[in-house]
Amino acid sequence: MLHRIVPKRLDVITIQEPYLDHFHNTHANQHWYTVYPREHFLELGKMRSTILMNKSMAADVWTQIELSSSDITAVQIQTRRGSVLVVYMYNDNANSDSML
């Protein structure tokens, strides 16, 4: 999928249920930083959401937001007009408490 994306056109990519290798990591190419939920490092193999941040963006304009779920990944991006919060949440529709 990533080989089809033109990095100059996108700053953020969200991926649901990414492939995890035997080290429990997903793979991105040289154009992207991989942002994992904090819980990814605590509960291996349970992560179902990830965000890729374009490396062409200055690293000091975005920050990962720590949430206590392996299903939610979030970053805050500082723009000239203010902050933008990007929250990516996996919902398996099996739990009615997470339904809107």
Protein backbone atom coordinates (compact mmCIF):
# COMPACT_ATOMS: atom_id res chain seq x y z
CA MET A 1 0.00 0.00 0.00
CA LEU A 2 2.70 2.53 0.93
CA HIS A 3 4.47 2.20 -2.40
CA ARG A 4 1.35 3.66 -4.07
CA ILE A 5 1.17 6.72 -1.83
CA VAL A 6 2.95 9.89 -2.91
CA PRO A 7 4.54 11.25 0.31
CA LYS A 8 4.38 14.85 -0.96
CA ARG A 9 0.56 14.65 -0.93
CA LEU A 10 -0.09 13.32 2.59
CA ASP A 11 1.15 14.19 6.06
CA VAL A 12 -0.76 11.57 8.07
CA ILE A 13 -1.84 7.99 7.30
CA THR A 14 -3.94 5.85 9.62
CA ILE A 15 -3.83 2.06 9.45
CA GLN A 16 -6.34 -0.32 10.99
CA GLU A 17 -5.17 -3.78 12.06
CA PRO A 18 -1.64 -3.37 10.66
CA TYR A 19 0.52 -6.37 9.91
CA LEU A 20 2.83 -7.15 12.84
CA ASP A 21 6.07 -9.04 12.34
CA HIS A 22 7.57 -11.52 14.84
CA PHE A 23 8.93 -8.54 16.85
CA HIS A 24 5.35 -7.17 17.06
CA ASN A 25 6.19 -4.18 14.86
CA THR A 26 4.62 -2.98 11.65
CA HIS A 27 6.65 -1.76 8.69
CA ALA A 28 6.82 1.62 6.97
CA ASN A 29 9.19 2.89 4.33
CA GLN A 30 11.76 5.66 4.71
CA HIS A 31 9.17 8.44 4.31
CA TRP A 32 7.21 7.74 7.50
CA TYR A 33 7.51 7.67 11.29
CA THR A 34 5.41 4.95 12.87
CA VAL A 35 3.35 6.00 15.89
CA TYR A 36 2.15 3.12 18.05
CA PRO A 37 -0.32 3.33 20.93
CA ARG A 38 1.53 3.31 24.24
CA GLU A 39 -0.17 0.03 25.12
CA HIS A 40 1.54 -1.60 22.13
CA PHE A 41 4.70 -1.83 24.20
CA LEU A 42 2.86 -3.19 27.26
CA GLU A 43 0.59 -5.80 25.62
CA LEU A 44 2.36 -7.25 22.61
CA GLY A 45 0.16 -8.36 19.75
CA LYS A 46 -2.99 -6.49 20.80
CA MET A 47 -2.46 -3.28 18.82
CA ARG A 48 -5.08 -2.56 16.16
CA SER A 49 -4.44 1.06 15.21
CA THR A 50 -1.37 2.98 14.15
CA ILE A 51 -0.58 6.35 12.61
CA LEU A 52 2.18 7.10 10.12
CA MET A 53 3.59 10.64 10.20
CA ASN A 54 5.37 12.01 7.14
CA LYS A 55 9.07 12.59 7.82
CA SER A 56 8.94 15.75 5.70
CA MET A 57 7.01 17.40 8.55
CA ALA A 58 9.26 18.93 11.18
CA ALA A 59 9.40 16.56 14.14
CA ASP A 60 8.75 19.42 16.58
CA VAL A 61 5.31 20.28 15.11
CA TRP A 62 3.64 17.06 16.19
CA THR A 63 3.45 15.12 19.45
CA GLN A 64 2.02 11.74 20.31
CA ILE A 65 -0.85 11.86 22.79
CA GLU A 66 -0.68 9.02 25.31
CA LEU A 67 -3.97 7.16 25.79
CA SER A 68 -4.49 3.93 27.71
CA SER A 69 -5.72 1.75 24.87
CA SER A 70 -4.10 -0.40 22.23
CA ASP A 71 -7.02 0.50 19.96
CA ILE A 72 -6.51 4.28 20.01
CA THR A 73 -3.59 6.20 18.54
CA ALA A 74 -3.48 10.00 18.71
CA VAL A 75 -1.17 12.84 17.68
CA GLN A 76 -1.44 16.58 18.11
CA ILE A 77 -0.17 18.70 15.23
CA GLN A 78 0.70 22.36 15.69
CA THR A 79 -0.24 24.48 12.66
CA ARG A 80 -0.08 28.23 12.03
CA ARG A 81 -3.79 28.42 12.89
CA GLY A 82 -3.58 26.34 16.04
CA SER A 83 -3.48 22.74 17.19
CA VAL A 84 -5.13 19.83 15.41
CA LEU A 85 -5.82 16.63 17.31
CA VAL A 86 -5.85 13.47 15.18
CA VAL A 87 -7.42 10.51 16.98
CA TYR A 88 -7.61 7.15 15.27
CA MET A 89 -9.75 4.56 17.04
CA TYR A 90 -10.35 0.95 16.13
CA ASN A 91 -13.87 -0.26 16.91
CA ASP A 92 -14.67 -3.93 16.43
CA ASN A 93 -18.42 -3.29 16.95
CA ALA A 94 -18.48 -6.10 19.53
CA ASN A 95 -18.85 -3.78 22.52
CA SER A 96 -21.94 -1.56 22.66
CA ASP A 97 -20.15 0.74 25.16
CA SER A 98 -17.90 1.98 22.34
CA MET A 99 -20.74 2.64 19.90
CA LEU A 100 -21.86 6.22 19.36
